[in-house]
Amino acid sequence: MVSHTDIIIESGENMKKIDLKKELSHLYKSSAKKVISVGVPEMNFIMLDGAGDPNNSKEFSNGVEVLFSLSYNLKFMVKKGEIGIDYGVMPLEGLWWAEDMSEFDINKKEDWFWTLMIMQPEFITEDMYHEAVSEIRKKKDPVSLDKARFEKYSEGKAAQIMHIGPFSEEGPTIEKVHNYITDNKFKRKGKHHEIYLSDIRKAAPENWKTIIRQPYK
């Protein structure tokens, strides 16, 4: 499990602040010029599963809303509670796969399965998560709330690179990651993983930053 001890800094008399992206920069920053290898430890996530083309799926957009609602609720619970730590909510991530990964095709999104997820600090417990669920249910009870879960997830060794541009142009970037794995005599395992670093509501598509990650063995 990742430790935040070394990066806690004082911010005011009783408030502490942590920068998760800075601590985990080897996982949440990457070069756009070359593929690198990273070791991905076990971390806590709020996760939600679905299927189908994310571009026209209400299930997908509902899932994104639920994950951010829960994540921000937990952030404010921690900031105002006994823990007294302030931190930034981490970016949205997605695991993507097909029933037969050898036939996983970026152009056949209607056949995809996916898991949306947002990483949570190590001091977030399952009890705190369930408390956040109860609070969100009282406030607005979103349709996909019961589909979310709190779970540990680990990938181990993985290859990754930064893709800059729209999602529709990820093909060559994904191919670079796959070639890196093959060229180094490894084999792909697990699910195609993307980390969305840009707010696509505000940034132009040609500037979107997405980390493309693929675990290997």
Foldseek 3Di string as FASTA:
>chain_A
DDDQVVAWDDDPDQAIETEVCVSVVVPVPFAQPAKDKDFWFKFKKKKFKDAFACVPDPLNVLVVVLRVQLQVLLQVCCCPDPVNYHYDWFFKKKWKAAPDRVPDDLVGRRRIIMMIITTDDPPCDQVSSVVSLVVVCVVPNRPCSVRIHMDIDGQTMKMKHKDAAAPVPCVVVVVSRCVVQVVVVKAFDDTWMKTWPDDPVPDDRRGTIIMTMTGID
